[in-house]
C-alpha atoms as a PDB file:
ATOM      1  CA  UNK A   1      -8.607 -28.187  11.231  1.00  0.00           C
ATOM      2  CA  UNK A   2     -12.029 -28.829   9.774  1.00  0.00           C
ATOM      3  CA  UNK A   3     -11.771 -29.437   5.990  1.00  0.00           C
ATOM      4  CA  UNK A   4     -12.831 -26.355   4.090  1.00  0.00           C
ATOM      5  CA  UNK A   5     -12.544 -24.041   7.094  1.00  0.00           C
ATOM      6  CA  UNK A   6      -9.640 -22.211   5.433  1.00  0.00           C
ATOM      7  CA  UNK A   7     -12.057 -21.242   2.696  1.00  0.00           C
ATOM      8  CA  UNK A   8     -14.060 -19.224   5.254  1.00  0.00           C
ATOM      9  CA  UNK A   9     -12.280 -16.004   6.186  1.00  0.00           C
ATOM     10  CA  UNK A  10     -14.694 -15.443   9.091  1.00  0.00           C
ATOM     11  CA  UNK A  11     -13.593 -18.706  10.716  1.00  0.00           C
ATOM     12  CA  UNK A  12      -9.916 -17.894  10.222  1.00  0.00           C
ATOM     13  CA  UNK A  13     -10.347 -14.407  11.717  1.00  0.00           C
ATOM     14  CA  UNK A  14     -12.313 -15.847  14.646  1.00  0.00           C
ATOM     15  CA  UNK A  15      -9.477 -18.283  15.375  1.00  0.00           C
ATOM     16  CA  UNK A  16      -6.870 -15.507  15.137  1.00  0.00           C
ATOM     17  CA  UNK A  17      -8.773 -13.225  17.533  1.00  0.00           C
ATOM     18  CA  UNK A  18     -10.449 -15.567  20.018  1.00  0.00           C
ATOM     19  CA  UNK A  19      -8.315 -18.727  19.872  1.00  0.00           C
ATOM     20  CA  UNK A  20      -4.767 -17.688  18.850  1.00  0.00           C
ATOM     21  CA  UNK A  21      -3.304 -20.878  20.300  1.00  0.00           C
ATOM     22  CA  UNK A  22      -5.088 -22.782  17.507  1.00  0.00           C
ATOM     23  CA  UNK A  23      -3.516 -20.753  14.661  1.00  0.00           C
ATOM     24  CA  UNK A  24      -0.840 -23.376  14.115  1.00  0.00           C
ATOM     25  CA  UNK A  25      -3.611 -25.841  13.183  1.00  0.00           C
ATOM     26  CA  UNK A  26      -4.857 -23.722  10.268  1.00  0.00           C
ATOM     27  CA  UNK A  27      -3.305 -24.851   7.005  1.00  0.00           C
ATOM     28  CA  UNK A  28      -1.386 -22.113   5.167  1.00  0.00           C
ATOM     29  CA  UNK A  29      -3.285 -22.600   1.910  1.00  0.00           C
ATOM     30  CA  UNK A  30      -4.731 -20.068  -0.467  1.00  0.00           C
ATOM     31  CA  UNK A  31      -8.509 -19.975  -0.427  1.00  0.00           C
ATOM     32  CA  UNK A  32     -10.418 -21.392  -3.408  1.00  0.00           C
ATOM     33  CA  UNK A  33     -11.486 -17.824  -4.246  1.00  0.00           C
ATOM     34  CA  UNK A  34      -7.838 -16.687  -4.482  1.00  0.00           C
ATOM     35  CA  UNK A  35      -6.775 -19.681  -6.579  1.00  0.00           C
ATOM     36  CA  UNK A  36      -9.739 -19.218  -8.951  1.00  0.00           C
ATOM     37  CA  UNK A  37      -8.921 -15.514  -9.322  1.00  0.00           C
ATOM     38  CA  UNK A  38      -5.275 -16.263 -10.063  1.00  0.00           C
ATOM     39  CA  UNK A  39      -6.216 -18.853 -12.706  1.00  0.00           C
ATOM     40  CA  UNK A  40      -8.874 -16.593 -14.261  1.00  0.00           C
ATOM     41  CA  UNK A  41      -6.439 -13.686 -14.575  1.00  0.00           C
ATOM     42  CA  UNK A  42      -3.777 -15.953 -16.071  1.00  0.00           C
ATOM     43  CA  UNK A  43      -6.230 -17.359 -18.637  1.00  0.00           C
ATOM     44  CA  UNK A  44      -7.463 -13.865 -19.532  1.00  0.00           C
ATOM     45  CA  UNK A  45      -3.856 -12.729 -20.012  1.00  0.00           C
ATOM     46  CA  UNK A  46      -3.172 -15.666 -22.336  1.00  0.00           C
ATOM     47  CA  UNK A  47      -6.405 -15.178 -24.275  1.00  0.00           C
ATOM     48  CA  UNK A  48      -6.314 -11.392 -24.678  1.00  0.00           C
ATOM     49  CA  UNK A  49      -2.604 -10.628 -24.544  1.00  0.00           C
ATOM     50  CA  UNK A  50      -3.296  -7.895 -21.983  1.00  0.00           C
ATOM     51  CA  UNK A  51      -1.051  -7.441 -18.951  1.00  0.00           C
ATOM     52  CA  UNK A  52      -2.482  -8.672 -15.638  1.00  0.00           C
ATOM     53  CA  UNK A  53      -2.840  -5.142 -14.253  1.00  0.00           C
ATOM     54  CA  UNK A  54      -5.324  -4.328 -17.050  1.00  0.00           C
ATOM     55  CA  UNK A  55      -7.622  -7.276 -16.263  1.00  0.00           C
ATOM     56  CA  UNK A  56     -10.229  -7.034 -13.527  1.00  0.00           C
ATOM     57  CA  UNK A  57     -11.214 -10.112 -11.532  1.00  0.00           C
ATOM     58  CA  UNK A  58     -14.502  -9.902  -9.642  1.00  0.00           C
ATOM     59  CA  UNK A  59     -16.046 -12.424  -7.250  1.00  0.00           C
ATOM     60  CA  UNK A  60     -19.816 -12.726  -6.775  1.00  0.00           C
ATOM     61  CA  UNK A  61     -20.732 -13.876  -3.273  1.00  0.00           C
ATOM     62  CA  UNK A  62     -23.532 -13.699  -0.709  1.00  0.00           C
ATOM     63  CA  UNK A  63     -20.885 -13.765   2.044  1.00  0.00           C
ATOM     64  CA  UNK A  64     -19.870 -10.436   3.601  1.00  0.00           C
ATOM     65  CA  UNK A  65     -16.700 -12.043   4.980  1.00  0.00           C
ATOM     66  CA  UNK A  66     -15.409 -12.478   1.406  1.00  0.00           C
ATOM     67  CA  UNK A  67     -15.608  -8.695   0.926  1.00  0.00           C
ATOM     68  CA  UNK A  68     -13.423  -8.194   3.994  1.00  0.00           C
ATOM     69  CA  UNK A  69     -11.068 -10.959   2.890  1.00  0.00           C
ATOM     70  CA  UNK A  70     -10.422  -9.154  -0.409  1.00  0.00           C
ATOM     71  CA  UNK A  71      -9.962  -5.742   1.229  1.00  0.00           C
ATOM     72  CA  UNK A  72      -7.803  -7.043   4.107  1.00  0.00           C
ATOM     73  CA  UNK A  73      -6.483 -10.466   3.077  1.00  0.00           C
ATOM     74  CA  UNK A  74      -5.021 -12.903   5.595  1.00  0.00           C
ATOM     75  CA  UNK A  75      -1.571 -14.277   4.875  1.00  0.00           C
ATOM     76  CA  UNK A  76      -0.993 -12.414   1.590  1.00  0.00           C
ATOM     77  CA  UNK A  77      -0.138  -8.807   0.784  1.00  0.00           C
ATOM     78  CA  UNK A  78      -2.793  -8.266  -1.883  1.00  0.00           C
ATOM     79  CA  UNK A  79      -5.764 -10.313  -3.012  1.00  0.00           C
ATOM     80  CA  UNK A  80      -5.908 -11.697  -6.560  1.00  0.00           C
ATOM     81  CA  UNK A  81      -9.545 -10.532  -6.583  1.00  0.00           C
ATOM     82  CA  UNK A  82     -10.103  -6.865  -7.478  1.00  0.00           C
ATOM     83  CA  UNK A  83     -13.581  -6.584  -5.946  1.00  0.00           C
ATOM     84  CA  UNK A  84     -16.437  -8.644  -4.533  1.00  0.00           C
ATOM     85  CA  UNK A  85     -19.985  -8.108  -5.700  1.00  0.00           C
ATOM     86  CA  UNK A  86     -22.201  -8.863  -2.717  1.00  0.00           C
ATOM     87  CA  UNK A  87     -25.551 -10.463  -3.435  1.00  0.00           C
ATOM     88  CA  UNK A  88     -28.339 -11.709  -1.219  1.00  0.00           C
END
């Protein structure tokens, strides 16, 4: 797999739909967006003392595929990101 391709949900979805025989070559890693969201929520919980459910994590991105990845994540039940703010 091309390094960094797992970070692009559009590439992963393309492989799943058009080239399913290549799915075994995609590393089962969390995307950088998911890891950053998990770490941000954890730090906010430690800093504020609030429970995780009361902390919102938002991702700012020009990529429409990130919006879809948060709404319908691949390989996980629920995204660590609460919403994506799309910018151009």
